[in-house]
Structures are given as structure tokens and as C-alpha cells.
Amino acid sequence: MPDICQALTIDAPPEAVFDAINSAEGNRAFWTDQTEYEPREGTVAVFSFGPNAETQFRFEVAALDRPRSLTWKCVGGPPEWQPTSIVWTLTPAAGGGTDVRFEHRGWASADGELAACTYTWGRILFALDEYVRTGSANPPFSVY
């Protein structure tokens, strides 16, 4: 099974990065402004897209280890996404800041959405970096 793996260093402490990823406010700022998110294990986060939220991805918040890691498991959305999970791993960077490793695991094949999703996750990670460093919300997906 192919995986999407990306990494970047954000000039902020791991706690700040973790809190942005593990909150509705943060996800609205760096991914989609149509986010429903409770920062507790076992809850289901809903990330919606389109003027009427016609496309939705649902992820169970499967594991939280503040400020080291978060795991989300896709439980609803396009069939290609449903066997996947997302793992965020945060470690203190040698020169300060946080090394972020992003993995979208468990794709059934390298065909289909994998290439487009790889590019899109890169955009989302840069928006996360901007939000954590500056507080400026600039989600790649916004209806406003």
C-alpha cells in the first residue's frame, strides 16, 4: 500500500503545532474553514468542502499524545480514502522549532487521487506553518 509522507520544520514549539492540528480553530485556519472538531480521542472530526459542504471527510480522532503525535482514521468520505489514516508526528527540531512528519497511510493503490492528494497536503502543511508562526488563517479550502 502506498503512503503519502511529507516533512517540514515549523519555527514554533511542538505544543503550538499540536494545538493547531488538534483543534477546530486550527484546522479551519490551515485546511478547510468548514471543520467540526472535538480534540478528544474517539470523536469524529468532519472536514467539509464546497459551497454547501457537499464533500465531506470524516476522521475518527484515534490517538492523541500531546505534544508528540496525533492519529486520525478515515471513517467516511470517498471510498478511496476510507481505509486510510493520517499520522502527525512532532519532534523538537535541533535548531529550535518543531520537525513535523505527516503521513497519510494505507492507500489501496498509487492510481487515482494519490498524486493530487500529495500536492494538496503539501499546500496544507505550508498553510499550517504560516498559521502557527503568524496566527494568520489562510486555508487552501474556504467558502468565505
Foldseek 3Di string as FASTA:
>chain_A
DDKQKDKDFAQDDLQLLQVLVQDLVNCVQQANVPWDHDNDAQDKIWGFADLVSPFIWIWGFHDDDPSAKTKTATCDGPPQQRRWMKMWGWDADPVGTIMIMIMTDDGPDCPDCNVVVSVSVVSSVVSSSCCSVPVGGDHPGYPD
